[in-house]
Amino acid sequence: MRYGLRRWVTAAAAVVAICGLEATCAVGYVLQHPKHEHCRTHYARTQRTVKSHGHQVQQVVCVWVTLPKPKPPPTPSPPAQKSAWCEASAEYSPR
C-alpha cells in the first residue's frame, strides 16, 4: 500500500513540474458561472451540448487556442539602380 501511494505522489509531482501550478494539462475547462466569468488568457469561449441526467444541457467551455506562429520579417529588396539614360536626362532637365 505504501509503495503505491509513493508512486502516486511521485507521478503527481511530475505532472505539477511539467504542467505548472495548475497541476493538469487540460485542453479546456467548464465555466461554473458563465454570465459572470470570463476565460483566461489563450482560451476561447465556446458552447457544447452534454447529456446530464438524461437531458441535453448546454455548457460554456473555455478551450485552449494555439497562437499563430509569427511571420518572418520581409527581406529588404536591393535599391533600384538608375540607368545611364536617367542620369543623363536629369543633368539636362530645364529646372
N, C-alpha and C. Protein backbone atom coordinates (compact mmCIF):
# COMPACT_ATOMS: atom_id res chain seq x y z
N MET A 1 0.83 -1.20 0.00
CA MET A 1 0.00 0.00 0.00
C MET A 1 0.87 1.26 0.00
N ARG A 2 1.90 1.23 0.83
CA ARG A 2 2.75 2.41 0.91
C ARG A 2 3.49 2.66 -0.39
N TYR A 3 3.90 1.59 -1.07
CA TYR A 3 4.62 1.74 -2.33
C TYR A 3 3.72 2.37 -3.39
N GLY A 4 2.44 1.96 -3.42
CA GLY A 4 1.50 2.53 -4.38
C GLY A 4 1.26 4.01 -4.12
N LEU A 5 1.18 4.39 -2.85
CA LEU A 5 0.98 5.80 -2.50
C LEU A 5 2.21 6.61 -2.90
N ARG A 6 3.39 6.07 -2.67
CA ARG A 6 4.62 6.78 -3.03
C ARG A 6 4.70 6.98 -4.54
N ARG A 7 4.30 5.98 -5.30
CA ARG A 7 4.31 6.08 -6.77
C ARG A 7 3.32 7.16 -7.23
N TRP A 8 2.14 7.20 -6.60
CA TRP A 8 1.13 8.19 -6.95
C TRP A 8 1.63 9.59 -6.65
N VAL A 9 2.26 9.80 -5.51
CA VAL A 9 2.78 11.12 -5.14
C VAL A 9 3.89 11.54 -6.10
N THR A 10 4.74 10.60 -6.50
CA THR A 10 5.81 10.91 -7.45
C THR A 10 5.23 11.30 -8.80
N ALA A 11 4.20 10.58 -9.24
CA ALA A 11 3.57 10.91 -10.52
C ALA A 11 2.91 12.28 -10.46
N ALA A 12 2.23 12.60 -9.35
CA ALA A 12 1.59 13.90 -9.20
C ALA A 12 2.62 15.02 -9.20
N ALA A 13 3.76 14.80 -8.56
CA ALA A 13 4.81 15.82 -8.55
C ALA A 13 5.37 16.03 -9.94
N ALA A 14 5.48 14.95 -10.73
CA ALA A 14 5.97 15.09 -12.10
C ALA A 14 4.99 15.89 -12.95
N VAL A 15 3.68 15.65 -12.77
CA VAL A 15 2.68 16.40 -13.53
C VAL A 15 2.73 17.87 -13.16
N VAL A 16 2.88 18.18 -11.89
CA VAL A 16 2.96 19.58 -11.46
C VAL A 16 4.22 20.23 -12.02
N ALA A 17 5.33 19.50 -12.05
CA ALA A 17 6.57 20.06 -12.58
C ALA A 17 6.46 20.34 -14.07
N ILE A 18 5.79 19.46 -14.81
CA ILE A 18 5.69 19.62 -16.25
C ILE A 18 4.64 20.66 -16.62
N CYS A 19 3.49 20.60 -16.01
CA CYS A 19 2.36 21.44 -16.42
C CYS A 19 2.27 22.77 -15.67
N GLY A 20 3.02 22.96 -14.65
CA GLY A 20 2.94 24.21 -13.91
C GLY A 20 2.09 24.06 -12.67
N LEU A 21 1.65 25.16 -12.12
CA LEU A 21 0.92 25.13 -10.86
C LEU A 21 -0.51 24.65 -10.98
N GLU A 22 -1.06 24.63 -12.17
CA GLU A 22 -2.44 24.19 -12.32
C GLU A 22 -2.57 22.68 -12.15
N ALA A 23 -1.49 21.96 -12.23
CA ALA A 23 -1.40 20.52 -11.99
C ALA A 23 -2.11 19.67 -13.01
N THR A 24 -2.67 20.24 -14.05
CA THR A 24 -3.25 19.45 -15.13
C THR A 24 -2.95 20.12 -16.45
N CYS A 25 -2.78 19.32 -17.46
CA CYS A 25 -2.55 19.86 -18.81
C CYS A 25 -3.88 19.83 -19.54
N ALA A 26 -4.85 20.53 -19.04
CA ALA A 26 -6.19 20.49 -19.60
C ALA A 26 -6.26 21.25 -20.91
N VAL A 27 -7.03 20.71 -21.84
CA VAL A 27 -7.25 21.38 -23.11
C VAL A 27 -8.32 22.46 -22.92
N GLY A 28 -9.24 22.24 -22.01
CA GLY A 28 -10.29 23.20 -21.75
C GLY A 28 -10.90 22.98 -20.38
N TYR A 29 -11.76 23.91 -19.98
CA TYR A 29 -12.44 23.78 -18.69
C TYR A 29 -13.82 24.41 -18.80
N VAL A 30 -14.72 23.95 -17.94
CA VAL A 30 -16.11 24.40 -17.95
C VAL A 30 -16.25 25.59 -17.00
N LEU A 31 -16.95 26.62 -17.45
CA LEU A 31 -17.24 27.77 -16.59
C LEU A 31 -18.44 27.44 -15.70
N GLN A 32 -18.27 27.61 -14.42
CA GLN A 32 -19.36 27.30 -13.49
C GLN A 32 -20.45 28.39 -13.53
N HIS A 33 -20.05 29.63 -13.70
CA HIS A 33 -20.99 30.75 -13.77
C HIS A 33 -20.67 31.54 -15.05
N PRO A 34 -21.16 31.08 -16.21
CA PRO A 34 -20.74 31.69 -17.48
C PRO A 34 -21.15 33.14 -17.66
N LYS A 35 -22.20 33.60 -16.98
CA LYS A 35 -22.61 35.01 -17.12
C LYS A 35 -21.67 35.94 -16.37
N HIS A 36 -20.98 35.41 -15.37
CA HIS A 36 -20.15 36.25 -14.51
C HIS A 36 -18.66 36.00 -14.69
N GLU A 37 -18.29 34.96 -15.41
CA GLU A 37 -16.88 34.61 -15.55
C GLU A 37 -16.41 34.83 -16.99
N HIS A 38 -15.12 34.96 -17.14
CA HIS A 38 -14.53 35.05 -18.47
C HIS A 38 -13.39 34.04 -18.56
N CYS A 39 -12.96 33.75 -19.77
CA CYS A 39 -11.90 32.77 -19.99
C CYS A 39 -10.54 33.40 -19.73
N ARG A 40 -9.60 32.55 -19.33
CA ARG A 40 -8.25 33.01 -19.09
C ARG A 40 -7.54 33.31 -20.42
N THR A 41 -6.33 33.82 -20.32
CA THR A 41 -5.53 34.16 -21.50
C THR A 41 -5.28 32.91 -22.33
N HIS A 42 -5.34 33.05 -23.64
CA HIS A 42 -5.11 31.99 -24.63
C HIS A 42 -6.22 30.95 -24.66
N TYR A 43 -7.36 31.23 -24.07
CA TYR A 43 -8.52 30.35 -24.13
C TYR A 43 -9.65 31.06 -24.86
N ALA A 44 -10.43 30.29 -25.63
CA ALA A 44 -11.58 30.83 -26.36
C ALA A 44 -12.86 30.26 -25.76
N ARG A 45 -13.90 31.05 -25.75
CA ARG A 45 -15.17 30.66 -25.15
C ARG A 45 -16.04 29.98 -26.21
N THR A 46 -16.48 28.75 -25.94
CA THR A 46 -17.34 28.01 -26.86
C THR A 46 -18.43 27.31 -26.08
N GLN A 47 -19.44 26.82 -26.79
CA GLN A 47 -20.53 26.06 -26.17
C GLN A 47 -20.52 24.64 -26.69
N ARG A 48 -20.89 23.70 -25.83
CA ARG A 48 -21.05 22.32 -26.25
C ARG A 48 -22.27 21.74 -25.58
N THR A 49 -22.86 20.75 -26.24
CA THR A 49 -24.04 20.08 -25.70
C THR A 49 -23.60 18.79 -25.02
N VAL A 50 -24.06 18.60 -23.78
CA VAL A 50 -23.68 17.45 -22.97
C VAL A 50 -24.95 16.81 -22.42
N LYS A 51 -24.92 15.49 -22.29
CA LYS A 51 -26.04 14.79 -21.69
C LYS A 51 -25.81 14.73 -20.19
N SER A 52 -26.74 15.26 -19.41
CA SER A 52 -26.63 15.26 -17.96
C SER A 52 -27.93 14.76 -17.36
N HIS A 53 -27.89 13.65 -16.68
CA HIS A 53 -29.07 13.03 -16.06
C HIS A 53 -30.17 12.79 -17.09
N GLY A 54 -29.79 12.39 -18.30
CA GLY A 54 -30.75 12.07 -19.34
C GLY A 54 -31.26 13.27 -20.13
N HIS A 55 -30.80 14.47 -19.83
CA HIS A 55 -31.25 15.67 -20.54
C HIS A 55 -30.08 16.29 -21.30
N GLN A 56 -30.40 16.98 -22.38
CA GLN A 56 -29.38 17.71 -23.14
C GLN A 56 -29.16 19.06 -22.46
N VAL A 57 -27.92 19.37 -22.14
CA VAL A 57 -27.59 20.60 -21.44
C VAL A 57 -26.49 21.33 -22.21
N GLN A 58 -26.61 22.66 -22.30
CA GLN A 58 -25.58 23.48 -22.93
C GLN A 58 -24.56 23.87 -21.86
N GLN A 59 -23.27 23.65 -22.16
CA GLN A 59 -22.20 24.07 -21.26
C GLN A 59 -21.34 25.10 -21.97
N VAL A 60 -20.90 26.09 -21.22
CA VAL A 60 -19.96 27.07 -21.76
C VAL A 60 -18.57 26.60 -21.35
N VAL A 61 -17.72 26.41 -22.35
CA VAL A 61 -16.40 25.82 -22.13
C VAL A 61 -15.34 26.79 -22.66
N CYS A 62 -14.25 26.89 -21.94
CA CYS A 62 -13.09 27.64 -22.42
C CYS A 62 -12.10 26.64 -22.99
N VAL A 63 -11.75 26.78 -24.26
CA VAL A 63 -10.90 25.84 -24.96
C VAL A 63 -9.58 26.50 -25.30
N TRP A 64 -8.49 25.77 -25.15
CA TRP A 64 -7.15 26.27 -25.45
C TRP A 64 -7.04 26.60 -26.92
N VAL A 65 -6.51 27.77 -27.23
CA VAL A 65 -6.33 28.21 -28.61
C VAL A 65 -4.83 28.32 -28.87
N THR A 66 -4.36 27.67 -29.92
CA THR A 66 -2.95 27.78 -30.25
C THR A 66 -2.70 29.12 -30.93
N LEU A 67 -1.63 29.73 -30.58
CA LEU A 67 -1.29 31.03 -31.14
C LEU A 67 -0.63 30.83 -32.50
N PRO A 68 -0.93 31.68 -33.48
CA PRO A 68 -0.27 31.55 -34.78
C PRO A 68 1.20 31.90 -34.66
N LYS A 69 2.02 31.20 -35.44
CA LYS A 69 3.45 31.48 -35.41
C LYS A 69 3.70 32.83 -36.08
N PRO A 70 4.61 33.64 -35.53
CA PRO A 70 4.88 34.95 -36.15
C PRO A 70 5.53 34.76 -37.50
N LYS A 71 5.14 35.61 -38.42
CA LYS A 71 5.71 35.57 -39.77
C LYS A 71 7.10 36.18 -39.75
N PRO A 72 8.02 35.64 -40.53
CA PRO A 72 9.35 36.25 -40.55
C PRO A 72 9.28 37.62 -41.22
N PRO A 73 10.14 38.54 -40.80
CA PRO A 73 10.11 39.88 -41.41
C PRO A 73 10.49 39.78 -42.88
N PRO A 74 9.91 40.65 -43.71
CA PRO A 74 10.24 40.61 -45.14
C PRO A 74 11.70 41.00 -45.36
N THR A 75 12.30 40.34 -46.33
CA THR A 75 13.69 40.67 -46.64
C THR A 75 13.73 41.97 -47.43
N PRO A 76 14.64 42.86 -47.10
CA PRO A 76 14.70 44.13 -47.83
C PRO A 76 15.18 43.89 -49.26
N SER A 77 14.52 44.54 -50.19
CA SER A 77 14.92 44.42 -51.60
C SER A 77 16.10 45.36 -51.86
N PRO A 78 16.97 44.99 -52.77
CA PRO A 78 18.12 45.88 -53.06
C PRO A 78 17.62 47.17 -53.70
N PRO A 79 18.30 48.28 -53.47
CA PRO A 79 17.85 49.55 -54.06
C PRO A 79 17.93 49.49 -55.58
N ALA A 80 16.97 50.12 -56.22
CA ALA A 80 16.93 50.14 -57.69
C ALA A 80 18.07 51.01 -58.21
N GLN A 81 18.75 50.50 -59.19
CA GLN A 81 19.85 51.26 -59.77
C GLN A 81 19.33 52.09 -60.94
N LYS A 82 19.83 53.30 -61.02
CA LYS A 82 19.41 54.18 -62.11
C LYS A 82 20.19 53.83 -63.38
N SER A 83 19.51 53.93 -64.48
CA SER A 83 20.19 53.65 -65.75
C SER A 83 20.96 54.90 -66.18
N ALA A 84 21.83 54.73 -67.12
CA ALA A 84 22.63 55.84 -67.62
C ALA A 84 21.73 56.90 -68.27
N TRP A 85 20.64 56.49 -68.90
CA TRP A 85 19.74 57.43 -69.55
C TRP A 85 19.09 58.34 -68.52
N CYS A 86 18.67 57.78 -67.33
CA CYS A 86 18.04 58.60 -66.30
C CYS A 86 19.01 59.64 -65.76
N GLU A 87 20.25 59.25 -65.54
CA GLU A 87 21.23 60.21 -65.01
C GLU A 87 21.53 61.30 -66.04
N ALA A 88 21.59 60.92 -67.30
CA ALA A 88 21.87 61.91 -68.34
C ALA A 88 20.70 62.87 -68.51
N SER A 89 19.49 62.37 -68.44
CA SER A 89 18.32 63.26 -68.62
C SER A 89 18.16 64.16 -67.42
N ALA A 90 18.59 63.74 -66.22
CA ALA A 90 18.50 64.57 -65.03
C ALA A 90 19.45 65.77 -65.14
N GLU A 91 20.59 65.57 -65.77
CA GLU A 91 21.56 66.64 -65.92
C GLU A 91 21.07 67.71 -66.89
N TYR A 92 20.31 67.34 -67.90
CA TYR A 92 19.88 68.29 -68.93
C TYR A 92 18.44 68.78 -68.73
N SER A 93 17.84 68.51 -67.56
CA SER A 93 16.46 68.96 -67.37
C SER A 93 16.44 70.47 -67.14
N PRO A 94 15.45 71.15 -67.69
CA PRO A 94 15.40 72.62 -67.56
C PRO A 94 14.79 73.06 -66.24
N ARG A 95 15.48 72.93 -65.18
CA ARG A 95 14.95 73.38 -63.87
C ARG A 95 15.67 74.56 -63.36
